[in-house]
Amino acid sequence: MNSKKILIGLSFVLLCFAPQITKAQSIDLGIKAGANFAKLSDASGLSNRTGLTAGAFGAVRFNMFSVQAELLYSEQGAESEFGDIELSYVQVPVLAKIHFLRLFNVQVGPQFGFLTDDNLPSGSAKDADFSLVTGVGAHLGSFRIDARYNFGLTKTMSEIDGIGDVKSKNKYFSLALGYSFL
């Protein structure tokens, strides 16, 4: 993982939203943790792998609309009878949220992932992952609940010796519980 890329990405996100933060009606900062139910697309013989997701979030809200950025650690991959494929990422989703009934929200946005660890042959896992996130959530006082689906848009792996070109993409369902400090 290249920490310089992560720092540049986070700085870009903060700079994009800095002018809007001063006009925001409310700011939301907190932590979250949950589970991923991951699989690799277009790969036969693989089943879901359950992994951890945890990190921090920050959001600015303008009436019924908010923008939320997160910094998450995420375990993904798949399971098979020949051994598990374990992929760990630091992810930065940037989500637009539309709130309704003062409790619920609908979320959509891009997610940038940076590979931190894998159990694949050296050089076969791609260093970066880009996906589209969509989901629903609820605000229950200081608590946050999210249910999301992540559609991988980039190939997860390059050619693997003996297998050839692998066209699999990350896809997973995520459930998380968060706590807001503000």
C-alpha atoms as a PDB file:
ATOM      1  CA  MET A   1       0.000   0.000   0.000  1.00  0.00           C
ATOM      2  CA  ASN A   2       1.223   3.460  -0.799  1.00  0.00           C
ATOM      3  CA  SER A   3       0.462   5.789   2.117  1.00  0.00           C
ATOM      4  CA  LYS A   4       1.206   8.817  -0.076  1.00  0.00           C
ATOM      5  CA  LYS A   5      -1.745   7.885  -2.352  1.00  0.00           C
ATOM      6  CA  ILE A   6      -4.081   7.591   0.646  1.00  0.00           C
ATOM      7  CA  LEU A   7      -2.981  10.954   2.038  1.00  0.00           C
ATOM      8  CA  ILE A   8      -3.448  12.643  -1.355  1.00  0.00           C
ATOM      9  CA  GLY A   9      -6.902  11.072  -1.756  1.00  0.00           C
ATOM     10  CA  LEU A  10      -8.055  12.165   1.704  1.00  0.00           C
ATOM     11  CA  SER A  11      -6.683  15.682   1.195  1.00  0.00           C
ATOM     12  CA  PHE A  12      -8.575  15.933  -2.099  1.00  0.00           C
ATOM     13  CA  VAL A  13     -11.852  14.874  -0.449  1.00  0.00           C
ATOM     14  CA  LEU A  14     -11.418  17.381   2.379  1.00  0.00           C
ATOM     15  CA  LEU A  15     -10.565  20.230   0.000  1.00  0.00           C
ATOM     16  CA  CYS A  16     -13.621  19.506  -2.146  1.00  0.00           C
ATOM     17  CA  PHE A  17     -15.950  19.825   0.819  1.00  0.00           C
ATOM     18  CA  ALA A  18     -14.179  22.517   2.866  1.00  0.00           C
ATOM     19  CA  PRO A  19     -16.209  25.458   1.438  1.00  0.00           C
ATOM     20  CA  GLN A  20     -19.462  23.620   2.097  1.00  0.00           C
ATOM     21  CA  ILE A  21     -18.631  22.745   5.702  1.00  0.00           C
ATOM     22  CA  THR A  22     -18.958  26.409   6.746  1.00  0.00           C
ATOM     23  CA  LYS A  23     -22.526  26.497   5.337  1.00  0.00           C
ATOM     24  CA  ALA A  24     -23.564  23.155   6.798  1.00  0.00           C
ATOM     25  CA  GLN A  25     -26.491  22.913   9.179  1.00  0.00           C
ATOM     26  CA  SER A  26     -24.862  20.100  11.118  1.00  0.00           C
ATOM     27  CA  ILE A  27     -21.655  18.125  11.225  1.00  0.00           C
ATOM     28  CA  ASP A  28     -21.519  14.434  12.106  1.00  0.00           C
ATOM     29  CA  LEU A  29     -18.308  12.676  13.242  1.00  0.00           C
ATOM     30  CA  GLY A  30     -18.038   9.166  14.577  1.00  0.00           C
ATOM     31  CA  ILE A  31     -16.823   5.594  14.402  1.00  0.00           C
ATOM     32  CA  LYS A  32     -18.363   2.460  12.944  1.00  0.00           C
ATOM     33  CA  ALA A  33     -17.816  -1.286  12.757  1.00  0.00           C
ATOM     34  CA  GLY A  34     -19.562  -4.208  11.137  1.00  0.00           C
ATOM     35  CA  ALA A  35     -19.308  -7.187   8.832  1.00  0.00           C
ATOM     36  CA  ASN A  36     -18.745  -7.676   5.107  1.00  0.00           C
ATOM     37  CA  PHE A  37     -20.210 -10.633   3.230  1.00  0.00           C
ATOM     38  CA  ALA A  38     -17.867 -10.650   0.234  1.00  0.00           C
ATOM     39  CA  LYS A  39     -17.507 -12.590  -2.988  1.00  0.00           C
ATOM     40  CA  LEU A  40     -15.551 -12.214  -6.198  1.00  0.00           C
ATOM     41  CA  SER A  41     -17.625 -11.824  -9.361  1.00  0.00           C
ATOM     42  CA  ASP A  42     -17.243 -14.035 -12.436  1.00  0.00           C
ATOM     43  CA  ALA A  43     -15.413 -16.766 -10.508  1.00  0.00           C
ATOM     44  CA  SER A  44     -16.928 -20.223 -10.288  1.00  0.00           C
ATOM     45  CA  GLY A  45     -16.445 -22.439  -7.248  1.00  0.00           C
ATOM     46  CA  LEU A  46     -16.155 -19.532  -4.813  1.00  0.00           C
ATOM     47  CA  SER A  47     -18.460 -18.743  -1.922  1.00  0.00           C
ATOM     48  CA  ASN A  48     -18.926 -15.770   0.396  1.00  0.00           C
ATOM     49  CA  ARG A  49     -16.212 -14.752   2.830  1.00  0.00           C
ATOM     50  CA  THR A  50     -17.233 -12.921   5.991  1.00  0.00           C
ATOM     51  CA  GLY A  51     -14.856 -10.177   7.090  1.00  0.00           C
ATOM     52  CA  LEU A  52     -14.569  -7.127   9.316  1.00  0.00           C
ATOM     53  CA  THR A  53     -15.173  -3.507   8.384  1.00  0.00           C
ATOM     54  CA  ALA A  54     -14.286  -0.710  10.828  1.00  0.00           C
ATOM     55  CA  GLY A  55     -13.292   2.927  10.765  1.00  0.00           C
ATOM     56  CA  ALA A  56     -14.404   6.533  11.107  1.00  0.00           C
ATOM     57  CA  PHE A  57     -16.873   8.783   9.312  1.00  0.00           C
ATOM     58  CA  GLY A  58     -17.496  12.483   8.899  1.00  0.00           C
ATOM     59  CA  ALA A  59     -20.524  14.133   7.316  1.00  0.00           C
ATOM     60  CA  VAL A  60     -21.938  17.561   6.625  1.00  0.00           C
ATOM     61  CA  ARG A  61     -25.694  17.920   6.360  1.00  0.00           C
ATOM     62  CA  PHE A  62     -27.778  20.475   4.479  1.00  0.00           C
ATOM     63  CA  ASN A  63     -31.485  19.916   5.297  1.00  0.00           C
ATOM     64  CA  MET A  64     -32.453  16.661   3.533  1.00  0.00           C
ATOM     65  CA  PHE A  65     -29.070  16.166   1.818  1.00  0.00           C
ATOM     66  CA  SER A  66     -25.675  15.283   3.288  1.00  0.00           C
ATOM     67  CA  VAL A  67     -22.223  14.256   2.096  1.00  0.00           C
ATOM     68  CA  GLN A  68     -20.357  11.657   4.119  1.00  0.00           C
ATOM     69  CA  ALA A  69     -16.725  10.567   3.751  1.00  0.00           C
ATOM     70  CA  GLU A  70     -15.300   7.575   5.582  1.00  0.00           C
ATOM     71  CA  LEU A  71     -11.950   5.955   6.239  1.00  0.00           C
ATOM     72  CA  LEU A  72     -12.454   2.198   6.666  1.00  0.00           C
ATOM     73  CA  TYR A  73     -10.474  -0.991   7.052  1.00  0.00           C
ATOM     74  CA  SER A  74     -12.246  -3.727   5.079  1.00  0.00           C
ATOM     75  CA  GLU A  75     -11.686  -7.485   4.765  1.00  0.00           C
ATOM     76  CA  GLN A  76     -12.907  -8.992   1.480  1.00  0.00           C
ATOM     77  CA  GLY A  77     -12.224 -11.905  -0.857  1.00  0.00           C
ATOM     78  CA  ALA A  78     -13.883 -15.299  -1.186  1.00  0.00           C
ATOM     79  CA  GLU A  79     -13.759 -18.874   0.093  1.00  0.00           C
ATOM     80  CA  SER A  80     -13.218 -22.048  -1.890  1.00  0.00           C
ATOM     81  CA  GLU A  81     -12.431 -25.694  -1.260  1.00  0.00           C
ATOM     82  CA  PHE A  82      -8.848 -25.019  -2.421  1.00  0.00           C
ATOM     83  CA  GLY A  83      -8.248 -22.200   0.070  1.00  0.00           C
ATOM     84  CA  ASP A  84      -9.522 -18.756   0.877  1.00  0.00           C
ATOM     85  CA  ILE A  85      -8.719 -15.599  -1.058  1.00  0.00           C
ATOM     86  CA  GLU A  86      -8.082 -12.930   1.562  1.00  0.00           C
ATOM     87  CA  LEU A  87      -7.931  -9.272   0.516  1.00  0.00           C
ATOM     88  CA  SER A  88      -7.697  -6.373   3.001  1.00  0.00           C
ATOM     89  CA  TYR A  89      -8.209  -2.742   2.012  1.00  0.00           C
ATOM     90  CA  VAL A  90      -8.199   0.773   3.383  1.00  0.00           C
ATOM     91  CA  GLN A  91     -11.257   2.312   1.753  1.00  0.00           C
ATOM     92  CA  VAL A  92     -12.479   5.855   1.282  1.00  0.00           C
ATOM     93  CA  PRO A  93     -16.168   6.001   0.323  1.00  0.00           C
ATOM     94  CA  VAL A  94     -17.651   9.435  -0.455  1.00  0.00           C
ATOM     95  CA  LEU A  95     -21.420   9.174  -0.240  1.00  0.00           C
ATOM     96  CA  ALA A  96     -24.318  11.453  -1.084  1.00  0.00           C
ATOM     97  CA  LYS A  97     -27.175  10.806   1.334  1.00  0.00           C
ATOM     98  CA  ILE A  98     -30.802  11.837   1.015  1.00  0.00           C
ATOM     99  CA  HIS A  99     -32.650  11.859   4.354  1.00  0.00           C
ATOM    100  CA  PHE A 100     -36.367  11.275   4.801  1.00  0.00           C
ATOM    101  CA  LEU A 101     -38.783  10.919   7.738  1.00  0.00           C
ATOM    102  CA  ARG A 102     -36.023  12.382   9.998  1.00  0.00           C
ATOM    103  CA  LEU A 103     -34.740   8.869  10.555  1.00  0.00           C
ATOM    104  CA  PHE A 104     -33.846   7.102   7.292  1.00  0.00           C
ATOM    105  CA  ASN A 105     -31.472   7.815   4.428  1.00  0.00           C
ATOM    106  CA  VAL A 106     -30.556   6.491   1.008  1.00  0.00           C
ATOM    107  CA  GLN A 107     -26.827   6.484   0.114  1.00  0.00           C
ATOM    108  CA  VAL A 108     -24.881   6.365  -3.132  1.00  0.00           C
ATOM    109  CA  GLY A 109     -21.349   7.251  -4.189  1.00  0.00           C
ATOM    110  CA  PRO A 110     -17.882   6.126  -5.268  1.00  0.00           C
ATOM    111  CA  GLN A 111     -15.429   4.232  -3.112  1.00  0.00           C
ATOM    112  CA  PHE A 112     -11.655   4.174  -3.481  1.00  0.00           C
ATOM    113  CA  GLY A 113      -9.807   1.199  -2.018  1.00  0.00           C
ATOM    114  CA  PHE A 114      -6.106   0.668  -1.398  1.00  0.00           C
ATOM    115  CA  LEU A 115      -4.861  -2.897  -0.882  1.00  0.00           C
ATOM    116  CA  THR A 116      -3.071  -3.373   2.460  1.00  0.00           C
ATOM    117  CA  ASP A 117      -2.707  -7.166   2.587  1.00  0.00           C
ATOM    118  CA  ASP A 118      -3.497 -10.326   0.613  1.00  0.00           C
ATOM    119  CA  ASN A 119      -2.659 -14.023   0.585  1.00  0.00           C
ATOM    120  CA  LEU A 120      -2.228 -14.301  -3.199  1.00  0.00           C
ATOM    121  CA  PRO A 121       1.005 -14.947  -5.103  1.00  0.00           C
ATOM    122  CA  SER A 122       3.201 -11.843  -5.083  1.00  0.00           C
ATOM    123  CA  GLY A 123       2.068  -9.187  -7.545  1.00  0.00           C
ATOM    124  CA  SER A 124      -1.216 -10.836  -8.520  1.00  0.00           C
ATOM    125  CA  ALA A 125      -3.540  -8.584  -6.453  1.00  0.00           C
ATOM    126  CA  LYS A 126      -4.133  -5.071  -7.785  1.00  0.00           C
ATOM    127  CA  ASP A 127      -3.028  -2.239  -5.466  1.00  0.00           C
ATOM    128  CA  ALA A 128      -6.166  -0.143  -6.005  1.00  0.00           C
ATOM    129  CA  ASP A 129      -9.856  -0.913  -6.189  1.00  0.00           C
ATOM    130  CA  PHE A 130     -12.686   1.352  -7.340  1.00  0.00           C
ATOM    131  CA  SER A 131     -16.335   0.584  -6.655  1.00  0.00           C
ATOM    132  CA  LEU A 132     -19.823   2.060  -6.522  1.00  0.00           C
ATOM    133  CA  VAL A 133     -21.645   1.979  -3.187  1.00  0.00           C
ATOM    134  CA  THR A 134     -25.400   2.078  -2.673  1.00  0.00           C
ATOM    135  CA  GLY A 135     -27.366   1.507   0.487  1.00  0.00           C
ATOM    136  CA  VAL A 136     -29.781   2.601   3.169  1.00  0.00           C
ATOM    137  CA  GLY A 137     -29.256   3.792   6.701  1.00  0.00           C
ATOM    138  CA  ALA A 138     -30.946   5.015   9.850  1.00  0.00           C
ATOM    139  CA  HIS A 139     -30.037   7.604  12.491  1.00  0.00           C
ATOM    140  CA  LEU A 140     -31.216   6.549  15.948  1.00  0.00           C
ATOM    141  CA  GLY A 141     -30.029   9.361  18.212  1.00  0.00           C
ATOM    142  CA  SER A 142     -26.239   9.022  18.346  1.00  0.00           C
ATOM    143  CA  PHE A 143     -26.320   5.582  16.712  1.00  0.00           C
ATOM    144  CA  ARG A 144     -26.065   4.920  12.982  1.00  0.00           C
ATOM    145  CA  ILE A 145     -27.032   1.752  11.118  1.00  0.00           C
ATOM    146  CA  ASP A 146     -25.975   1.124   7.514  1.00  0.00           C
ATOM    147  CA  ALA A 147     -26.737  -1.642   5.025  1.00  0.00           C
ATOM    148  CA  ARG A 148     -24.801  -1.299   1.760  1.00  0.00           C
ATOM    149  CA  TYR A 149     -23.940  -3.132  -1.410  1.00  0.00           C
ATOM    150  CA  ASN A 150     -20.599  -2.493  -3.114  1.00  0.00           C
ATOM    151  CA  PHE A 151     -20.283  -3.061  -6.865  1.00  0.00           C
ATOM    152  CA  GLY A 152     -16.629  -3.515  -7.856  1.00  0.00           C
ATOM    153  CA  LEU A 153     -15.766  -1.690 -11.064  1.00  0.00           C
ATOM    154  CA  THR A 154     -12.095  -2.699 -11.396  1.00  0.00           C
ATOM    155  CA  LYS A 155     -10.440  -6.097 -11.703  1.00  0.00           C
ATOM    156  CA  THR A 156      -9.161  -7.338  -8.343  1.00  0.00           C
ATOM    157  CA  MET A 157      -6.323  -9.475  -9.684  1.00  0.00           C
ATOM    158  CA  SER A 158      -3.983  -9.592 -12.644  1.00  0.00           C
ATOM    159  CA  GLU A 159      -2.697 -12.763 -14.279  1.00  0.00           C
ATOM    160  CA  ILE A 160      -1.906 -15.620 -11.925  1.00  0.00           C
ATOM    161  CA  ASP A 161       0.578 -18.297 -13.006  1.00  0.00           C
ATOM    162  CA  GLY A 162      -1.215 -21.470 -14.034  1.00  0.00           C
ATOM    163  CA  ILE A 163      -4.640 -19.795 -14.030  1.00  0.00           C
ATOM    164  CA  GLY A 164      -4.257 -16.968 -16.524  1.00  0.00           C
ATOM    165  CA  ASP A 165      -6.061 -13.635 -16.529  1.00  0.00           C
ATOM    166  CA  VAL A 166      -8.540 -13.332 -13.655  1.00  0.00           C
ATOM    167  CA  LYS A 167     -11.430 -10.977 -14.383  1.00  0.00           C
ATOM    168  CA  SER A 168     -12.964 -11.037 -10.882  1.00  0.00           C
ATOM    169  CA  LYS A 169     -14.193  -7.881  -9.191  1.00  0.00           C
ATOM    170  CA  ASN A 170     -14.969  -7.297  -5.524  1.00  0.00           C
ATOM    171  CA  LYS A 171     -18.628  -7.306  -4.615  1.00  0.00           C
ATOM    172  CA  TYR A 172     -20.036  -7.452  -1.123  1.00  0.00           C
ATOM    173  CA  PHE A 173     -22.872  -6.650   1.208  1.00  0.00           C
ATOM    174  CA  SER A 174     -21.967  -4.730   4.352  1.00  0.00           C
ATOM    175  CA  LEU A 175     -23.807  -4.205   7.648  1.00  0.00           C
ATOM    176  CA  ALA A 176     -22.402  -1.696  10.128  1.00  0.00           C
ATOM    177  CA  LEU A 177     -23.292   0.032  13.387  1.00  0.00           C
ATOM    178  CA  GLY A 178     -21.862   3.457  14.121  1.00  0.00           C
ATOM    179  CA  TYR A 179     -21.727   5.978  16.925  1.00  0.00           C
ATOM    180  CA  SER A 180     -21.697   9.752  16.371  1.00  0.00           C
ATOM    181  CA  PHE A 181     -19.823  11.978  18.800  1.00  0.00           C
ATOM    182  CA  LEU A 182     -21.613  15.151  17.679  1.00  0.00           C
END
